[in-house]
Amino acid sequence: MEKKLYRSRTDKKVCGVCGGLAKYLNMDVSILRLIVVLACLFMGGGLLIYIVCALVIPEEPDNIIEEAPAQEESAE
């Protein structure tokens, strides 16, 4: 199954862009949010890029279920 970029419905503070992007890139959402805040403070286009992403990236559909890795219990 191919990965698709969506805005997160569950892990969002403003629009879900960082939550969706962190899930897509398989990284911690707090680190990505820090990078976005620093980009907004020190680069003039950081906020504009975030707004464009919020408008362009589709919201995560309701039917997507997060696949949790199977936890195997070892028999002792």
PDB file of N, CA and C in Angstrom:
ATOM      1  N   MET A   1       0.834  -1.179   0.000  1.00  0.00           N
ATOM      2  CA  MET A   1       0.000   0.000   0.000  1.00  0.00           C
ATOM      3  C   MET A   1       0.882   1.247   0.000  1.00  0.00           C
ATOM      4  N   GLU A   2       0.567   2.191  -0.867  1.00  0.00           N
ATOM      5  CA  GLU A   2       1.382   3.397  -0.945  1.00  0.00           C
ATOM      6  C   GLU A   2       0.983   4.398   0.135  1.00  0.00           C
ATOM      7  N   LYS A   3       1.972   5.172   0.559  1.00  0.00           N
ATOM      8  CA  LYS A   3       1.719   6.186   1.577  1.00  0.00           C
ATOM      9  C   LYS A   3       1.140   7.422   0.918  1.00  0.00           C
ATOM     10  N   LYS A   4       0.165   8.033   1.588  1.00  0.00           N
ATOM     11  CA  LYS A   4      -0.416   9.279   1.095  1.00  0.00           C
ATOM     12  C   LYS A   4      -0.331  10.325   2.189  1.00  0.00           C
ATOM     13  N   LEU A   5      -0.138  11.554   1.781  1.00  0.00           N
ATOM     14  CA  LEU A   5      -0.025  12.667   2.718  1.00  0.00           C
ATOM     15  C   LEU A   5      -1.398  13.262   2.968  1.00  0.00           C
ATOM     16  N   TYR A   6      -1.805  13.277   4.230  1.00  0.00           N
ATOM     17  CA  TYR A   6      -3.073  13.867   4.644  1.00  0.00           C
ATOM     18  C   TYR A   6      -2.833  14.772   5.834  1.00  0.00           C
ATOM     19  N   ARG A   7      -3.723  15.741   6.046  1.00  0.00           N
ATOM     20  CA  ARG A   7      -3.732  16.498   7.299  1.00  0.00           C
ATOM     21  C   ARG A   7      -4.373  15.608   8.352  1.00  0.00           C
ATOM     22  N   SER A   8      -3.773  15.553   9.509  1.00  0.00           N
ATOM     23  CA  SER A   8      -4.246  14.672  10.571  1.00  0.00           C
ATOM     24  C   SER A   8      -5.547  15.191  11.187  1.00  0.00           C
ATOM     25  N   ARG A   9      -6.464  14.272  11.476  1.00  0.00           N
ATOM     26  CA  ARG A   9      -7.686  14.625  12.191  1.00  0.00           C
ATOM     27  C   ARG A   9      -7.489  14.522  13.698  1.00  0.00           C
ATOM     28  N   THR A  10      -6.606  13.624  14.121  1.00  0.00           N
ATOM     29  CA  THR A  10      -6.455  13.347  15.549  1.00  0.00           C
ATOM     30  C   THR A  10      -5.297  14.093  16.195  1.00  0.00           C
ATOM     31  N   ASP A  11      -4.205  14.284  15.461  1.00  0.00           N
ATOM     32  CA  ASP A  11      -3.007  14.904  16.037  1.00  0.00           C
ATOM     33  C   ASP A  11      -2.833  16.291  15.427  1.00  0.00           C
ATOM     34  N   LYS A  12      -3.675  17.225  15.853  1.00  0.00           N
ATOM     35  CA  LYS A  12      -3.592  18.556  15.281  1.00  0.00           C
ATOM     36  C   LYS A  12      -3.704  19.627  16.351  1.00  0.00           C
ATOM     37  N   LYS A  13      -3.001  20.712  16.126  1.00  0.00           N
ATOM     38  CA  LYS A  13      -3.071  21.884  16.998  1.00  0.00           C
ATOM     39  C   LYS A  13      -3.760  23.036  16.271  1.00  0.00           C
ATOM     40  N   VAL A  14      -3.415  23.239  14.995  1.00  0.00           N
ATOM     41  CA  VAL A  14      -4.023  24.308  14.217  1.00  0.00           C
ATOM     42  C   VAL A  14      -4.844  23.699  13.067  1.00  0.00           C
ATOM     43  N   CYS A  15      -4.150  23.141  12.086  1.00  0.00           N
ATOM     44  CA  CYS A  15      -4.847  22.570  10.920  1.00  0.00           C
ATOM     45  C   CYS A  15      -4.538  21.099  10.696  1.00  0.00           C
ATOM     46  N   GLY A  16      -3.588  20.538  11.419  1.00  0.00           N
ATOM     47  CA  GLY A  16      -3.229  19.133  11.257  1.00  0.00           C
ATOM     48  C   GLY A  16      -2.122  18.887  10.263  1.00  0.00           C
ATOM     49  N   VAL A  17      -1.504  19.960   9.758  1.00  0.00           N
ATOM     50  CA  VAL A  17      -0.445  19.819   8.765  1.00  0.00           C
ATOM     51  C   VAL A  17       0.771  19.112   9.364  1.00  0.00           C
ATOM     52  N   CYS A  18       1.220  19.556  10.515  1.00  0.00           N
ATOM     53  CA  CYS A  18       2.409  18.952  11.134  1.00  0.00           C
ATOM     54  C   CYS A  18       2.150  17.509  11.545  1.00  0.00           C
ATOM     55  N   GLY A  19       0.964  17.225  12.062  1.00  0.00           N
ATOM     56  CA  GLY A  19       0.628  15.856  12.457  1.00  0.00           C
ATOM     57  C   GLY A  19       0.618  14.913  11.272  1.00  0.00           C
ATOM     58  N   GLY A  20       0.026  15.353  10.171  1.00  0.00           N
ATOM     59  CA  GLY A  20      -0.006  14.527   8.966  1.00  0.00           C
ATOM     60  C   GLY A  20       1.356  14.360   8.335  1.00  0.00           C
ATOM     61  N   LEU A  21       2.127  15.441   8.302  1.00  0.00           N
ATOM     62  CA  LEU A  21       3.465  15.380   7.716  1.00  0.00           C
ATOM     63  C   LEU A  21       4.390  14.511   8.559  1.00  0.00           C
ATOM     64  N   ALA A  22       4.275  14.596   9.878  1.00  0.00           N
ATOM     65  CA  ALA A  22       5.097  13.759  10.758  1.00  0.00           C
ATOM     66  C   ALA A  22       4.755  12.285  10.585  1.00  0.00           C
ATOM     67  N   LYS A  23       3.485  11.977  10.422  1.00  0.00           N
ATOM     68  CA  LYS A  23       3.077  10.593  10.197  1.00  0.00           C
ATOM     69  C   LYS A  23       3.612  10.098   8.855  1.00  0.00           C
ATOM     70  N   TYR A  24       3.556  10.941   7.833  1.00  0.00           N
ATOM     71  CA  TYR A  24       4.043  10.579   6.507  1.00  0.00           C
ATOM     72  C   TYR A  24       5.552  10.352   6.506  1.00  0.00           C
ATOM     73  N   LEU A  25       6.281  11.227   7.227  1.00  0.00           N
ATOM     74  CA  LEU A  25       7.743  11.125   7.279  1.00  0.00           C
ATOM     75  C   LEU A  25       8.240  10.185   8.374  1.00  0.00           C
ATOM     76  N   ASN A  26       7.316   9.658   9.184  1.00  0.00           N
ATOM     77  CA  ASN A  26       7.644   8.739  10.271  1.00  0.00           C
ATOM     78  C   ASN A  26       8.628   9.377  11.253  1.00  0.00           C
ATOM     79  N   MET A  27       8.259  10.568  11.734  1.00  0.00           N
ATOM     80  CA  MET A  27       9.094  11.251  12.712  1.00  0.00           C
ATOM     81  C   MET A  27       8.222  11.811  13.823  1.00  0.00           C
ATOM     82  N   ASP A  28       8.847  12.261  14.894  1.00  0.00           N
ATOM     83  CA  ASP A  28       8.118  12.791  16.039  1.00  0.00           C
ATOM     84  C   ASP A  28       7.485  14.132  15.677  1.00  0.00           C
ATOM     85  N   VAL A  29       6.207  14.264  15.983  1.00  0.00           N
ATOM     86  CA  VAL A  29       5.470  15.469  15.609  1.00  0.00           C
ATOM     87  C   VAL A  29       5.975  16.697  16.373  1.00  0.00           C
ATOM     88  N   SER A  30       6.472  16.526  17.577  1.00  0.00           N
ATOM     89  CA  SER A  30       6.983  17.668  18.352  1.00  0.00           C
ATOM     90  C   SER A  30       8.209  18.286  17.691  1.00  0.00           C
ATOM     91  N   ILE A  31       9.070  17.458  17.149  1.00  0.00           N
ATOM     92  CA  ILE A  31      10.263  17.959  16.462  1.00  0.00           C
ATOM     93  C   ILE A  31       9.861  18.713  15.201  1.00  0.00           C
ATOM     94  N   LEU A  32       8.915  18.169  14.473  1.00  0.00           N
ATOM     95  CA  LEU A  32       8.459  18.828  13.256  1.00  0.00           C
ATOM     96  C   LEU A  32       7.779  20.163  13.570  1.00  0.00           C
ATOM     97  N   ARG A  33       6.993  20.201  14.636  1.00  0.00           N
ATOM     98  CA  ARG A  33       6.353  21.467  15.038  1.00  0.00           C
ATOM     99  C   ARG A  33       7.397  22.514  15.416  1.00  0.00           C
ATOM    100  N   LEU A  34       8.447  22.090  16.098  1.00  0.00           N
ATOM    101  CA  LEU A  34       9.530  23.008  16.460  1.00  0.00           C
ATOM    102  C   LEU A  34      10.212  23.554  15.206  1.00  0.00           C
ATOM    103  N   ILE A  35      10.439  22.694  14.227  1.00  0.00           N
ATOM    104  CA  ILE A  35      11.051  23.128  12.965  1.00  0.00           C
ATOM    105  C   ILE A  35      10.158  24.145  12.259  1.00  0.00           C
ATOM    106  N   VAL A  36       8.857  23.905  12.254  1.00  0.00           N
ATOM    107  CA  VAL A  36       7.919  24.824  11.600  1.00  0.00           C
ATOM    108  C   VAL A  36       7.895  26.174  12.316  1.00  0.00           C
ATOM    109  N   VAL A  37       7.884  26.155  13.639  1.00  0.00           N
ATOM    110  CA  VAL A  37       7.887  27.416  14.400  1.00  0.00           C
ATOM    111  C   VAL A  37       9.167  28.197  14.135  1.00  0.00           C
ATOM    112  N   LEU A  38      10.310  27.523  14.135  1.00  0.00           N
ATOM    113  CA  LEU A  38      11.581  28.199  13.856  1.00  0.00           C
ATOM    114  C   LEU A  38      11.599  28.748  12.431  1.00  0.00           C
ATOM    115  N   ALA A  39      11.042  27.999  11.489  1.00  0.00           N
ATOM    116  CA  ALA A  39      10.983  28.480  10.101  1.00  0.00           C
ATOM    117  C   ALA A  39      10.095  29.714   9.994  1.00  0.00           C
ATOM    118  N   CYS A  40       9.019  29.737  10.749  1.00  0.00           N
ATOM    119  CA  CYS A  40       8.130  30.909  10.733  1.00  0.00           C
ATOM    120  C   CYS A  40       8.802  32.136  11.345  1.00  0.00           C
ATOM    121  N   LEU A  41       9.605  31.921  12.378  1.00  0.00           N
ATOM    122  CA  LEU A  41      10.270  33.039  13.047  1.00  0.00           C
ATOM    123  C   LEU A  41      11.436  33.593  12.240  1.00  0.00           C
ATOM    124  N   PHE A  42      12.239  32.694  11.647  1.00  0.00           N
ATOM    125  CA  PHE A  42      13.483  33.131  11.020  1.00  0.00           C
ATOM    126  C   PHE A  42      13.427  33.228   9.501  1.00  0.00           C
ATOM    127  N   MET A  43      12.430  32.629   8.899  1.00  0.00           N
ATOM    128  CA  MET A  43      12.276  32.705   7.442  1.00  0.00           C
ATOM    129  C   MET A  43      10.946  33.399   7.165  1.00  0.00           C
ATOM    130  N   GLY A  44      10.934  34.321   6.268  1.00  0.00           N
ATOM    131  CA  GLY A  44       9.723  35.073   5.991  1.00  0.00           C
ATOM    132  C   GLY A  44       8.591  34.229   5.422  1.00  0.00           C
ATOM    133  N   GLY A  45       8.903  33.172   4.682  1.00  0.00           N
ATOM    134  CA  GLY A  45       7.870  32.402   4.011  1.00  0.00           C
ATOM    135  C   GLY A  45       7.363  31.207   4.779  1.00  0.00           C
ATOM    136  N   GLY A  46       7.819  30.994   5.995  1.00  0.00           N
ATOM    137  CA  GLY A  46       7.420  29.819   6.764  1.00  0.00           C
ATOM    138  C   GLY A  46       5.928  29.758   7.025  1.00  0.00           C
ATOM    139  N   LEU A  47       5.342  30.863   7.416  1.00  0.00           N
ATOM    140  CA  LEU A  47       3.911  30.914   7.685  1.00  0.00           C
ATOM    141  C   LEU A  47       3.115  30.775   6.396  1.00  0.00           C
ATOM    142  N   LEU A  48       3.593  31.392   5.338  1.00  0.00           N
ATOM    143  CA  LEU A  48       2.922  31.276   4.045  1.00  0.00           C
ATOM    144  C   LEU A  48       2.928  29.830   3.548  1.00  0.00           C
ATOM    145  N   ILE A  49       4.041  29.141   3.701  1.00  0.00           N
ATOM    146  CA  ILE A  49       4.130  27.727   3.303  1.00  0.00           C
ATOM    147  C   ILE A  49       3.164  26.889   4.114  1.00  0.00           C
ATOM    148  N   TYR A  50       3.059  27.144   5.415  1.00  0.00           N
ATOM    149  CA  TYR A  50       2.129  26.394   6.269  1.00  0.00           C
ATOM    150  C   TYR A  50       0.684  26.614   5.815  1.00  0.00           C
ATOM    151  N   ILE A  51       0.328  27.851   5.512  1.00  0.00           N
ATOM    152  CA  ILE A  51      -1.039  28.156   5.073  1.00  0.00           C
ATOM    153  C   ILE A  51      -1.346  27.482   3.740  1.00  0.00           C
ATOM    154  N   VAL A  52      -0.392  27.510   2.817  1.00  0.00           N
ATOM    155  CA  VAL A  52      -0.590  26.838   1.528  1.00  0.00           C
ATOM    156  C   VAL A  52      -0.761  25.334   1.730  1.00  0.00           C
ATOM    157  N   CYS A  53       0.052  24.744   2.604  1.00  0.00           N
ATOM    158  CA  CYS A  53      -0.079  23.304   2.891  1.00  0.00           C
ATOM    159  C   CYS A  53      -1.442  22.990   3.503  1.00  0.00           C
ATOM    160  N   ALA A  54      -1.916  23.846   4.387  1.00  0.00           N
ATOM    161  CA  ALA A  54      -3.222  23.636   5.017  1.00  0.00           C
ATOM    162  C   ALA A  54      -4.350  23.685   3.995  1.00  0.00           C
ATOM    163  N   LEU A  55      -4.181  24.480   2.957  1.00  0.00           N
ATOM    164  CA  LEU A  55      -5.206  24.579   1.923  1.00  0.00           C
ATOM    165  C   LEU A  55      -5.103  23.473   0.871  1.00  0.00           C
ATOM    166  N   VAL A  56      -3.885  23.004   0.595  1.00  0.00           N
ATOM    167  CA  VAL A  56      -3.662  22.059  -0.497  1.00  0.00           C
ATOM    168  C   VAL A  56      -3.755  20.598  -0.046  1.00  0.00           C
ATOM    169  N   ILE A  57      -3.210  20.280   1.112  1.00  0.00           N
ATOM    170  CA  ILE A  57      -3.186  18.888   1.580  1.00  0.00           C
ATOM    171  C   ILE A  57      -4.587  18.496   2.045  1.00  0.00           C
ATOM    172  N   PRO A  58      -5.119  17.380   1.527  1.00  0.00           N
ATOM    173  CA  PRO A  58      -6.465  16.966   1.930  1.00  0.00           C
ATOM    174  C   PRO A  58      -6.501  16.443   3.359  1.00  0.00           C
ATOM    175  N   GLU A  59      -7.674  16.557   3.988  1.00  0.00           N
ATOM    176  CA  GLU A  59      -7.839  16.056   5.349  1.00  0.00           C
ATOM    177  C   GLU A  59      -7.954  14.536   5.326  1.00  0.00           C
ATOM    178  N   GLU A  60      -7.447  13.916   6.364  1.00  0.00           N
ATOM    179  CA  GLU A  60      -7.447  12.467   6.483  1.00  0.00           C
ATOM    180  C   GLU A  60      -8.890  11.932   6.447  1.00  0.00           C
ATOM    181  N   PRO A  61      -9.175  10.954   5.587  1.00  0.00           N
ATOM    182  CA  PRO A  61     -10.523  10.385   5.537  1.00  0.00           C
ATOM    183  C   PRO A  61     -10.888   9.667   6.834  1.00  0.00           C
ATOM    184  N   ASP A  62     -12.181   9.532   7.079  1.00  0.00           N
ATOM    185  CA  ASP A  62     -12.655   8.863   8.287  1.00  0.00           C
ATOM    186  C   ASP A  62     -12.330   7.378   8.303  1.00  0.00           C
ATOM    187  N   ASN A  63     -12.242   6.762   7.134  1.00  0.00           N
ATOM    188  CA  ASN A  63     -12.099   5.314   7.078  1.00  0.00           C
ATOM    189  C   ASN A  63     -10.662   4.823   7.213  1.00  0.00           C
ATOM    190  N   ILE A  64      -9.703   5.707   7.365  1.00  0.00           N
ATOM    191  CA  ILE A  64      -8.314   5.276   7.544  1.00  0.00           C
ATOM    192  C   ILE A  64      -8.102   4.896   9.004  1.00  0.00           C
ATOM    193  N   ILE A  65      -7.663   3.689   9.212  1.00  0.00           N
ATOM    194  CA  ILE A  65      -7.396   3.188  10.552  1.00  0.00           C
ATOM    195  C   ILE A  65      -5.889   3.011  10.688  1.00  0.00           C
ATOM    196  N   GLU A  66      -5.346   3.552  11.775  1.00  0.00           N
ATOM    197  CA  GLU A  66      -3.912   3.403  12.004  1.00  0.00           C
ATOM    198  C   GLU A  66      -3.600   1.949  12.280  1.00  0.00           C
ATOM    199  N   GLU A  67      -2.639   1.438  11.540  1.00  0.00           N
ATOM    200  CA  GLU A  67      -2.235   0.055  11.731  1.00  0.00           C
ATOM    201  C   GLU A  67      -1.177  -0.004  12.813  1.00  0.00           C
ATOM    202  N   ALA A  68      -1.530  -0.588  13.917  1.00  0.00           N
ATOM    203  CA  ALA A  68      -0.577  -0.742  15.016  1.00  0.00           C
ATOM    204  C   ALA A  68       0.228  -2.000  14.778  1.00  0.00           C
ATOM    205  N   PRO A  69       1.522  -1.961  15.064  1.00  0.00           N
ATOM    206  CA  PRO A  69       2.319  -3.162  14.885  1.00  0.00           C
ATOM    207  C   PRO A  69       1.854  -4.273  15.820  1.00  0.00           C
ATOM    208  N   ALA A  70       1.848  -5.466  15.304  1.00  0.00           N
ATOM    209  CA  ALA A  70       1.398  -6.610  16.112  1.00  0.00           C
ATOM    210  C   ALA A  70       2.400  -6.867  17.237  1.00  0.00           C
ATOM    211  N   GLN A  71       1.870  -6.972  18.427  1.00  0.00           N
ATOM    212  CA  GLN A  71       2.722  -7.234  19.581  1.00  0.00           C
ATOM    213  C   GLN A  71       2.690  -8.713  19.865  1.00  0.00           C
ATOM    214  N   GLU A  72       3.846  -9.323  19.739  1.00  0.00           N
ATOM    215  CA  GLU A  72       3.927 -10.755  19.961  1.00  0.00           C
ATOM    216  C   GLU A  72       4.386 -11.015  21.387  1.00  0.00           C
ATOM    217  N   GLU A  73       3.664 -11.871  22.055  1.00  0.00           N
ATOM    218  CA  GLU A  73       4.054 -12.252  23.409  1.00  0.00           C
ATOM    219  C   GLU A  73       4.799 -13.579  23.320  1.00  0.00           C
ATOM    220  N   SER A  74       5.944 -13.598  23.926  1.00  0.00           N
ATOM    221  CA  SER A  74       6.723 -14.828  23.872  1.00  0.00           C
ATOM    222  C   SER A  74       6.200 -15.805  24.938  1.00  0.00           C
ATOM    223  N   ALA A  75       6.056 -17.029  24.513  1.00  0.00           N
ATOM    224  CA  ALA A  75       5.570 -18.083  25.440  1.00  0.00           C
ATOM    225  C   ALA A  75       6.766 -18.608  26.214  1.00  0.00           C
ATOM    226  N   GLU A  76       6.656 -18.547  27.514  1.00  0.00           N
ATOM    227  CA  GLU A  76       7.777 -19.004  28.340  1.00  0.00           C
ATOM    228  C   GLU A  76       7.465 -20.308  28.959  1.00  0.00           C
TER     229      GLU A  76
END
